[in-house]
Amino acid sequence: MSETATMAMPGVRRLVLGPWNPWAMVRSSLTWRAAVYLVTGLGFGLAWFIGLAVGLTLSLALTILWVGIPLLALMMLLWRGGAMLERRLLRLAFGVTVPDPYRPMPGSAGLLAKWRAMAADPATWKDLLYLGLRLPVGMVEFTVSVGVWSAAGLLLAAPVLTVVGDSVVINLGGPLVYSADDPLTALPLTAVGVVLLLPALYVTRAMAILHLGYGVLLLGPSRAQAERIRLQARAEQLQASRARGVDAAEAERRRIERDLHDGAQQRLLAVAMDIGRARAKLEEDPEAARALIEQAHAGTKEAIAELRDLARGIYPAILTDRGLDAAISGLASRAAVPVEVEVDLPERPPTAVESIAYFIVAESLSNIAKYARATRASVRVAREAQWVVVEVTDDGVGGARAVPGGGLAGLADRAATIDGILTIDSPPGGPTVIRADLPCTW
């Protein structure tokens, strides 16, 4: 299996590096999907071999009459369609998406030009090679799969076979013969069958990896195509993250405008009106004027407090002056539940990373106070390679998820502005872990 194919398709790596624990393999649907695929592969291989052998032989024989040329074109379409089907079967069996590796077809050209382009595409002939190998590969996979699973299955079912039939006799050659006439004497055979399940599981996984390896090699994109696909996916991801960043900034601007209009601006307007009324009553009713001035003074303090909170929401001064440790400790001291803070950064990260990390912690602690019904929480900020990792954990009821327009979705948008990743692990019943991986280079 090529390095590019493994990097381009995480499913291949997941199959190779996935759990080899027998119990985990038994519980995994991947094991049984792979077993079914390997057993039925002989039928697909036989069908493709007969179809290609007959079709290609007939087409080549009729080329002397010019009838074989359109038949060859139809056969080419047939085996390319068969290769597309095989890619879908690989995805169903192994959970691996193998991209179509074909070159773009000329859009406005005629059928002959399209057929020439198809014939000049190396992926077309790799498809034919894969389908041609399907029969011998399928024979090996069928023989091995049926052998290991039949042996294990017959031994496991030995007690049932003694009830249905007369006896079960296992002849290993020469004097090594074991005969069971009743379910009790057949139990040792069942134990052997349980032991044979282990090699059956491992053989199935190994053959799945080998089949997937040659399938990706022949049906998947080349190294250059895989790199182009990766770059296209990266470009789409960057475009989406930039769009989300612009949306997040626009939403933040609207929030600030709304808070100014509905909060501080209204209070300052009330203060101006109170001062105006007090000035009008200053000579006629000094006591009423004094009350209005006191009311205006209180309103001014409330407006100042709201402006301070708004400024803190934009970018807290303590974060600029003292860094993440002090800023997050300040958030923890005001949190509704006890919060344990651990910040392990050898140096201060860039301002954008600090700001996003701070607001992720602030929003997470706010959500804990509102929804989690937690008794304690913890915040960890650490450097891992070239990433700043922020983890906020609580022991609440769980069930947190990012919904469009919600606070957690906004945090994901903030992280996306610098190509960061926000993950939420919050099963019902808790605990909840919100993790942000923020790229950072010192």
Protein backbone atom coordinates (compact mmCIF):
# COMPACT_ATOMS: atom_id res chain seq x y z
CA MET A 1 0.00 0.00 0.00
CA SER A 2 1.45 3.34 -0.99
CA GLU A 3 2.19 6.04 1.53
CA THR A 4 0.00 8.47 -0.36
CA ALA A 5 -2.96 6.13 -0.33
CA THR A 6 -2.60 5.58 3.40
CA MET A 7 -2.36 9.31 4.07
CA ALA A 8 -5.22 10.18 1.74
CA MET A 9 -7.67 7.64 3.16
CA PRO A 10 -7.78 7.45 6.98
CA GLY A 11 -9.97 4.34 6.73
CA VAL A 12 -6.98 2.30 5.51
CA ARG A 13 -4.95 3.38 8.50
CA ARG A 14 -7.89 2.66 10.78
CA LEU A 15 -8.16 -0.88 9.43
CA VAL A 16 -4.42 -1.52 9.80
CA LEU A 17 -3.98 0.16 13.19
CA GLY A 18 -7.42 -0.64 14.54
CA PRO A 19 -7.99 -2.85 17.59
CA TRP A 20 -6.61 -6.37 17.24
CA ASN A 21 -8.16 -7.38 20.54
CA PRO A 22 -10.24 -10.53 19.85
CA TRP A 23 -13.28 -9.33 21.80
CA ALA A 24 -13.20 -5.94 20.05
CA MET A 25 -12.91 -7.67 16.68
CA VAL A 26 -15.90 -9.91 17.48
CA ARG A 27 -18.03 -6.89 18.40
CA SER A 28 -16.94 -4.86 15.38
CA SER A 29 -19.28 -5.00 12.39
CA LEU A 30 -16.21 -4.43 10.22
CA THR A 31 -15.02 -7.99 10.93
CA TRP A 32 -18.25 -9.57 9.74
CA ARG A 33 -18.65 -7.26 6.75
CA ALA A 34 -15.11 -8.17 5.70
CA ALA A 35 -15.81 -11.89 6.17
CA VAL A 36 -18.89 -11.70 3.95
CA TYR A 37 -17.00 -9.71 1.33
CA LEU A 38 -14.12 -12.20 1.22
CA VAL A 39 -16.44 -15.19 0.91
CA THR A 40 -18.59 -13.65 -1.84
CA GLY A 41 -15.58 -12.33 -3.73
CA LEU A 42 -15.28 -15.59 -5.69
CA GLY A 43 -18.72 -15.06 -7.22
CA PHE A 44 -17.88 -11.52 -8.29
CA GLY A 45 -14.52 -12.64 -9.63
CA LEU A 46 -16.06 -15.47 -11.66
CA ALA A 47 -18.72 -13.15 -13.09
CA TRP A 48 -16.16 -10.53 -14.10
CA PHE A 49 -13.81 -13.14 -15.58
CA ILE A 50 -16.52 -14.70 -17.74
CA GLY A 51 -17.91 -11.32 -18.82
CA LEU A 52 -14.52 -9.84 -19.68
CA ALA A 53 -13.18 -13.00 -21.35
CA VAL A 54 -16.23 -13.42 -23.57
CA GLY A 55 -16.72 -9.71 -24.26
CA LEU A 56 -13.10 -8.88 -25.05
CA THR A 57 -12.53 -12.01 -27.10
CA LEU A 58 -15.65 -11.35 -29.17
CA SER A 59 -14.82 -7.65 -29.58
CA LEU A 60 -11.25 -8.32 -30.69
CA ALA A 61 -12.38 -11.00 -33.08
CA LEU A 62 -14.92 -8.68 -34.70
CA THR A 63 -12.52 -5.74 -35.12
CA ILE A 64 -11.67 -7.05 -38.59
CA LEU A 65 -15.29 -6.27 -39.52
CA TRP A 66 -15.22 -2.88 -37.70
CA VAL A 67 -18.09 -4.08 -35.53
CA GLY A 68 -15.68 -4.90 -32.73
CA ILE A 69 -14.58 -1.29 -32.25
CA PRO A 70 -17.88 -0.05 -30.78
CA LEU A 71 -18.07 -3.32 -28.85
CA LEU A 72 -14.63 -2.55 -27.37
CA ALA A 73 -15.86 0.89 -26.41
CA LEU A 74 -18.88 -0.66 -24.70
CA MET A 75 -16.64 -3.16 -22.91
CA MET A 76 -14.46 -0.30 -21.69
CA LEU A 77 -17.53 1.42 -20.27
CA LEU A 78 -18.57 -1.88 -18.73
CA TRP A 79 -15.35 -2.52 -16.86
CA ARG A 80 -15.08 1.10 -15.73
CA GLY A 81 -18.59 0.79 -14.35
CA GLY A 82 -17.59 -2.47 -12.71
CA ALA A 83 -14.60 -0.76 -11.09
CA MET A 84 -16.91 1.96 -9.76
CA LEU A 85 -19.11 -0.77 -8.28
CA GLU A 86 -16.06 -2.39 -6.69
CA ARG A 87 -15.12 0.91 -5.03
CA ARG A 88 -18.61 1.09 -3.50
CA LEU A 89 -18.28 -2.50 -2.30
CA LEU A 90 -14.94 -1.66 -0.68
CA ARG A 91 -16.60 1.20 1.15
CA LEU A 92 -19.47 -1.02 2.34
CA ALA A 93 -17.15 -3.82 3.44
CA PHE A 94 -14.22 -1.93 4.92
CA GLY A 95 -15.54 1.58 5.50
CA VAL A 96 -12.89 3.05 3.16
CA THR A 97 -13.80 5.54 0.46
CA VAL A 98 -11.62 5.06 -2.63
CA PRO A 99 -11.96 8.15 -4.85
CA ASP A 100 -12.48 7.73 -8.58
CA PRO A 101 -9.07 8.39 -10.19
CA TYR A 102 -10.26 9.20 -13.72
CA ARG A 103 -9.05 12.18 -15.70
CA PRO A 104 -11.68 14.78 -16.64
CA MET A 105 -13.47 13.99 -19.87
CA PRO A 106 -13.50 16.58 -22.69
CA GLY A 107 -16.84 18.33 -22.28
CA SER A 108 -17.75 19.49 -25.79
CA ALA A 109 -15.98 16.76 -27.77
CA GLY A 110 -17.71 13.94 -29.61
CA LEU A 111 -18.02 10.29 -28.61
CA LEU A 112 -14.85 9.30 -30.44
CA ALA A 113 -12.77 11.94 -28.63
CA LYS A 114 -14.22 10.84 -25.30
CA TRP A 115 -13.44 7.22 -26.05
CA ARG A 116 -9.87 8.15 -26.96
CA ALA A 117 -9.52 10.10 -23.70
CA MET A 118 -10.87 7.12 -21.80
CA ALA A 119 -8.45 4.77 -23.54
CA ALA A 120 -5.52 7.10 -22.80
CA ASP A 121 -6.37 7.24 -19.09
CA PRO A 122 -4.11 4.82 -17.13
CA ALA A 123 -6.89 4.36 -14.56
CA THR A 124 -8.99 2.57 -17.21
CA TRP A 125 -6.40 -0.17 -17.62
CA LYS A 126 -5.76 -0.41 -13.91
CA ASP A 127 -9.48 -1.06 -13.53
CA LEU A 128 -9.22 -3.88 -16.07
CA LEU A 129 -6.23 -5.36 -14.23
CA TYR A 130 -8.11 -5.28 -10.92
CA LEU A 131 -11.15 -7.01 -12.38
CA GLY A 132 -8.93 -9.55 -14.11
CA LEU A 133 -7.24 -10.42 -10.81
CA ARG A 134 -10.58 -10.63 -9.02
CA LEU A 135 -11.02 -14.35 -9.85
CA PRO A 136 -7.63 -15.74 -8.65
CA VAL A 137 -7.64 -13.44 -5.63
CA GLY A 138 -11.23 -14.39 -4.89
CA MET A 139 -10.40 -18.10 -5.09
CA VAL A 140 -7.64 -17.73 -2.51
CA GLU A 141 -9.78 -15.58 -0.22
CA PHE A 142 -12.77 -17.92 -0.54
CA THR A 143 -10.70 -21.04 0.15
CA VAL A 144 -8.95 -19.61 3.19
CA SER A 145 -12.08 -17.96 4.61
CA VAL A 146 -14.29 -21.00 4.19
CA GLY A 147 -11.56 -23.22 5.60
CA VAL A 148 -10.94 -21.32 8.82
CA TRP A 149 -14.55 -20.36 9.50
CA SER A 150 -15.97 -23.80 8.60
CA ALA A 151 -13.52 -25.54 10.90
CA ALA A 152 -14.31 -23.21 13.78
CA GLY A 153 -18.07 -23.33 13.09
CA LEU A 154 -18.29 -27.15 12.87
CA LEU A 155 -16.35 -27.60 16.08
CA LEU A 156 -18.48 -25.00 17.87
CA ALA A 157 -21.64 -26.77 16.71
CA ALA A 158 -20.39 -30.26 17.61
CA PRO A 159 -22.86 -30.75 20.54
CA VAL A 160 -25.77 -29.81 18.29
CA LEU A 161 -24.52 -32.14 15.56
CA THR A 162 -24.48 -35.08 17.99
CA VAL A 163 -28.13 -34.42 18.78
CA VAL A 164 -29.16 -34.03 15.13
CA GLY A 165 -26.98 -36.89 13.83
CA ASP A 166 -25.42 -39.98 15.34
CA SER A 167 -21.89 -38.90 16.21
CA VAL A 168 -19.09 -36.53 15.32
CA VAL A 169 -15.73 -37.97 14.34
CA ILE A 170 -12.63 -35.82 13.94
CA ASN A 171 -9.82 -37.64 12.12
CA LEU A 172 -6.51 -35.83 12.28
CA GLY A 173 -4.68 -38.65 10.54
CA GLY A 174 -3.36 -41.95 11.80
CA PRO A 175 -4.30 -42.76 15.38
CA LEU A 176 -5.42 -39.18 16.11
CA VAL A 177 -9.17 -39.73 16.00
CA TYR A 178 -11.71 -38.19 18.33
CA SER A 179 -15.30 -39.41 18.37
CA ALA A 180 -18.20 -37.75 20.19
CA ASP A 181 -21.55 -39.55 20.55
CA ASP A 182 -23.39 -37.11 22.81
CA PRO A 183 -23.30 -33.39 23.65
CA LEU A 184 -21.19 -33.95 26.78
CA THR A 185 -18.36 -35.70 24.97
CA ALA A 186 -18.59 -33.07 22.21
CA LEU A 187 -17.83 -30.19 24.58
CA PRO A 188 -14.04 -30.49 24.14
CA LEU A 189 -14.58 -29.99 20.42
CA THR A 190 -16.53 -26.83 21.19
CA ALA A 191 -13.60 -25.58 23.28
CA VAL A 192 -11.26 -26.23 20.35
CA GLY A 193 -13.68 -24.34 18.10
CA VAL A 194 -13.55 -21.33 20.45
CA VAL A 195 -9.75 -21.41 20.22
CA LEU A 196 -9.93 -21.61 16.41
CA LEU A 197 -12.03 -18.45 16.35
CA LEU A 198 -8.87 -16.46 17.13
CA PRO A 199 -6.96 -17.43 13.96
CA ALA A 200 -10.18 -17.04 11.96
CA LEU A 201 -10.55 -13.46 13.18
CA TYR A 202 -6.90 -12.61 12.56
CA VAL A 203 -6.84 -14.27 9.15
CA THR A 204 -9.95 -12.34 8.14
CA ARG A 205 -8.41 -9.03 9.22
CA ALA A 206 -5.12 -9.81 7.47
CA MET A 207 -6.82 -10.77 4.20
CA ALA A 208 -9.00 -7.66 4.40
CA ILE A 209 -5.88 -5.50 4.72
CA LEU A 210 -4.18 -7.25 1.80
CA HIS A 211 -7.27 -7.00 -0.42
CA LEU A 212 -7.75 -3.36 0.47
CA GLY A 213 -4.09 -2.71 -0.24
CA TYR A 214 -4.21 -3.98 -3.80
CA GLY A 215 -7.67 -2.47 -4.27
CA VAL A 216 -6.44 1.00 -3.32
CA LEU A 217 -3.32 0.51 -5.47
CA LEU A 218 -5.28 -0.37 -8.62
CA LEU A 219 -8.62 1.38 -8.10
CA GLY A 220 -7.44 4.46 -6.23
CA PRO A 221 -5.72 7.63 -7.44
CA SER A 222 -2.04 7.80 -8.19
CA ARG A 223 0.37 9.61 -5.91
CA ALA A 224 0.03 12.87 -7.87
CA GLN A 225 -3.76 12.57 -8.00
CA ALA A 226 -3.95 11.80 -4.29
CA GLU A 227 -1.86 14.87 -3.53
CA ARG A 228 -4.11 16.98 -5.74
CA ILE A 229 -7.21 15.62 -4.01
CA ARG A 230 -5.64 16.37 -0.63
CA LEU A 231 -4.80 19.92 -1.67
CA GLN A 232 -8.32 20.45 -3.04
CA ALA A 233 -9.83 19.19 0.20
CA ARG A 234 -7.48 21.45 2.15
CA ALA A 235 -8.43 24.43 0.01
CA GLU A 236 -12.13 23.72 0.55
CA GLN A 237 -11.53 23.40 4.29
CA LEU A 238 -9.66 26.71 4.38
CA GLN A 239 -12.37 28.40 2.34
CA ALA A 240 -15.05 27.11 4.71
CA SER A 241 -13.06 28.13 7.78
CA ARG A 242 -12.51 31.62 6.41
CA ALA A 243 -16.21 31.97 5.66
CA ARG A 244 -17.06 30.83 9.16
CA GLY A 245 -14.53 33.28 10.55
CA VAL A 246 -16.11 36.15 8.63
CA ASP A 247 -19.56 35.09 9.84
CA ALA A 248 -18.30 34.88 13.43
CA ALA A 249 -16.76 38.35 13.21
CA GLU A 250 -19.98 39.75 11.74
CA ALA A 251 -22.03 38.11 14.50
CA GLU A 252 -19.67 39.57 17.10
CA ARG A 253 -20.00 43.03 15.56
CA ARG A 254 -23.79 42.79 15.64
CA ARG A 255 -23.66 41.63 19.27
CA ILE A 256 -21.53 44.60 20.26
CA GLU A 257 -23.86 46.99 18.43
CA ARG A 258 -26.89 45.41 20.09
CA ASP A 259 -25.31 45.55 23.56
CA LEU A 260 -24.33 49.19 23.06
CA HIS A 261 -27.75 50.15 21.73
CA ASP A 262 -29.84 48.24 24.24
CA GLY A 263 -27.58 48.71 27.24
CA ALA A 264 -25.10 51.52 27.74
CA GLN A 265 -26.66 53.83 25.15
CA GLN A 266 -30.09 53.63 26.77
CA ARG A 267 -28.64 54.22 30.21
CA LEU A 268 -26.62 57.21 29.06
CA LEU A 269 -29.72 58.63 27.37
CA ALA A 270 -31.64 58.24 30.64
CA VAL A 271 -28.77 59.95 32.49
CA ALA A 272 -28.90 62.91 30.07
CA MET A 273 -32.67 63.21 30.54
CA ASP A 274 -32.34 63.07 34.36
CA ILE A 275 -29.67 65.77 34.31
CA GLY A 276 -31.85 67.94 32.06
CA ARG A 277 -34.85 67.55 34.36
CA ALA A 278 -32.67 68.26 37.40
CA ARG A 279 -31.35 71.45 35.83
CA ALA A 280 -34.90 72.61 35.13
CA LYS A 281 -35.93 72.01 38.78
CA LEU A 282 -32.72 73.22 40.39
CA GLU A 283 -34.11 76.63 41.43
CA GLU A 284 -37.79 75.74 42.00
CA ASP A 285 -37.41 72.31 43.71
CA PRO A 286 -33.84 71.65 44.92
CA GLU A 287 -34.81 68.38 46.64
CA ALA A 288 -36.32 66.90 43.48
CA ALA A 289 -33.29 68.11 41.52
CA ARG A 290 -30.99 66.40 44.04
CA ALA A 291 -32.93 63.11 43.68
CA LEU A 292 -32.68 63.31 39.90
CA ILE A 293 -28.95 63.98 40.11
CA GLU A 294 -28.50 60.96 42.39
CA GLN A 295 -30.54 58.87 39.96
CA ALA A 296 -28.36 60.12 37.09
CA HIS A 297 -25.23 59.30 39.09
CA ALA A 298 -26.42 55.74 39.68
CA GLY A 299 -27.30 55.37 36.01
CA THR A 300 -23.84 56.62 35.05
CA LYS A 301 -22.18 53.98 37.25
CA GLU A 302 -24.37 51.27 35.74
CA ALA A 303 -23.47 52.45 32.23
CA ILE A 304 -19.77 52.41 33.12
CA ALA A 305 -20.14 48.87 34.48
CA GLU A 306 -21.87 47.74 31.30
CA LEU A 307 -19.19 49.34 29.14
CA ARG A 308 -16.51 47.62 31.24
CA ASP A 309 -18.22 44.26 30.79
CA LEU A 310 -18.55 44.89 27.07
CA ALA A 311 -14.87 45.78 26.79
CA ARG A 312 -13.97 42.66 28.75
CA GLY A 313 -16.03 40.61 26.28
CA ILE A 314 -14.12 42.10 23.36
CA TYR A 315 -10.63 41.54 24.78
CA PRO A 316 -9.86 41.50 28.51
CA ALA A 317 -7.07 43.77 29.69
CA ILE A 318 -5.70 41.10 32.05
CA LEU A 319 -5.09 38.83 29.07
CA THR A 320 -2.95 41.49 27.42
CA ASP A 321 -1.06 42.35 30.61
CA ARG A 322 -0.54 38.98 32.29
CA GLY A 323 -1.37 36.21 29.82
CA LEU A 324 -3.61 33.17 29.74
CA ASP A 325 -2.81 31.79 33.19
CA ALA A 326 -3.95 34.91 35.02
CA ALA A 327 -6.90 35.52 32.70
CA ILE A 328 -8.25 31.97 33.01
CA SER A 329 -7.66 31.99 36.77
CA GLY A 330 -9.79 35.12 36.91
CA LEU A 331 -12.55 33.33 35.00
CA ALA A 332 -12.30 30.36 37.35
CA SER A 333 -12.59 32.56 40.43
CA ARG A 334 -15.89 33.95 39.13
CA ALA A 335 -17.27 30.57 37.96
CA ALA A 336 -20.38 29.05 39.51
CA VAL A 337 -18.56 25.80 40.40
CA PRO A 338 -15.06 25.06 41.69
CA VAL A 339 -12.66 25.05 38.73
CA GLU A 340 -9.17 23.54 38.71
CA VAL A 341 -6.86 25.40 36.34
CA GLU A 342 -3.68 24.04 34.79
CA VAL A 343 -1.81 26.18 32.27
CA ASP A 344 1.48 24.77 31.01
CA LEU A 345 2.89 26.99 28.27
CA PRO A 346 6.64 27.55 28.03
CA GLU A 347 6.06 30.87 26.25
CA ARG A 348 3.12 33.08 25.46
CA PRO A 349 1.45 32.08 22.19
CA PRO A 350 0.44 34.64 19.57
CA THR A 351 -2.31 37.09 20.46
CA ALA A 352 -4.94 35.45 18.24
CA VAL A 353 -4.36 32.06 19.87
CA GLU A 354 -4.50 33.56 23.36
CA SER A 355 -7.72 35.37 22.60
CA ILE A 356 -9.48 32.34 21.12
CA ALA A 357 -8.30 30.09 23.96
CA TYR A 358 -9.60 32.61 26.51
CA PHE A 359 -13.04 32.91 24.93
CA ILE A 360 -13.35 29.13 24.57
CA VAL A 361 -12.77 28.76 28.30
CA ALA A 362 -15.09 31.68 29.11
CA GLU A 363 -17.98 30.34 27.00
CA SER A 364 -17.47 26.79 28.27
CA LEU A 365 -17.57 27.89 31.92
CA SER A 366 -20.65 29.98 31.18
CA ASN A 367 -22.37 26.94 29.65
CA ILE A 368 -21.40 24.84 32.66
CA ALA A 369 -23.08 27.37 34.96
CA LYS A 370 -26.24 27.50 32.82
CA TYR A 371 -26.85 23.93 31.69
CA ALA A 372 -24.44 21.31 33.03
CA ARG A 373 -25.62 21.01 36.67
CA ALA A 374 -21.99 20.16 37.47
CA THR A 375 -20.30 20.16 40.86
CA ARG A 376 -16.77 20.78 39.62
CA ALA A 377 -14.83 21.53 36.46
CA SER A 378 -11.26 21.68 35.23
CA VAL A 379 -9.39 23.66 32.61
CA ARG A 380 -6.16 22.49 31.02
CA VAL A 381 -4.10 24.53 28.58
CA ALA A 382 -0.89 22.97 27.32
CA ARG A 383 1.43 22.92 24.37
CA GLU A 384 1.54 19.69 22.36
CA ALA A 385 4.05 19.85 19.53
CA GLN A 386 3.00 22.88 17.45
CA TRP A 387 -0.49 23.06 18.96
CA VAL A 388 -2.03 24.79 21.93
CA VAL A 389 -4.55 22.39 23.41
CA VAL A 390 -7.42 23.75 25.51
CA GLU A 391 -9.57 21.25 27.44
CA VAL A 392 -12.53 22.14 29.62
CA THR A 393 -14.04 19.22 31.55
CA ASP A 394 -17.05 19.06 33.88
CA ASP A 395 -18.91 16.29 35.72
CA GLY A 396 -22.37 17.49 34.71
CA VAL A 397 -25.26 15.77 32.98
CA GLY A 398 -23.68 15.83 29.50
CA GLY A 399 -25.59 16.07 26.26
CA ALA A 400 -23.82 19.20 25.05
CA ARG A 401 -23.69 19.65 21.29
CA ALA A 402 -23.00 22.37 18.80
CA VAL A 403 -26.15 23.71 17.12
CA PRO A 404 -26.20 26.46 14.49
CA GLY A 405 -26.31 29.83 16.19
CA GLY A 406 -25.39 28.38 19.59
CA GLY A 407 -22.47 29.21 21.79
CA LEU A 408 -20.52 26.02 21.06
CA ALA A 409 -20.97 26.51 17.32
CA GLY A 410 -19.60 30.02 17.78
CA LEU A 411 -16.55 28.59 19.54
CA ALA A 412 -15.98 26.23 16.62
CA ASP A 413 -16.18 29.22 14.29
CA ARG A 414 -13.65 31.12 16.39
CA ALA A 415 -11.24 28.18 16.29
CA ALA A 416 -11.77 27.80 12.53
CA THR A 417 -10.54 31.35 11.90
CA ILE A 418 -6.99 30.12 12.60
CA ASP A 419 -7.59 26.58 11.26
CA GLY A 420 -8.17 25.22 14.72
CA ILE A 421 -10.41 22.26 15.56
CA LEU A 422 -13.04 22.12 18.30
CA THR A 423 -14.33 18.72 19.43
CA ILE A 424 -17.13 18.02 21.90
CA ASP A 425 -17.35 14.73 23.81
CA SER A 426 -20.50 14.89 25.91
CA PRO A 427 -22.38 11.59 26.26
CA PRO A 428 -25.70 11.66 28.18
CA GLY A 429 -24.87 11.48 31.86
CA GLY A 430 -21.49 13.14 31.37
CA PRO A 431 -18.73 13.92 31.72
CA THR A 432 -18.35 16.64 29.11
CA VAL A 433 -14.98 17.39 27.52
CA ILE A 434 -14.62 20.36 25.19
CA ARG A 435 -11.26 20.33 23.44
CA ALA A 436 -9.77 22.87 21.10
CA ASP A 437 -6.60 22.24 19.12
CA LEU A 438 -5.21 25.58 18.01
CA PRO A 439 -2.26 25.66 15.58
CA CYS A 440 0.59 27.72 16.91
CA THR A 441 4.22 28.31 15.94
CA TRP A 442 6.57 29.99 18.35
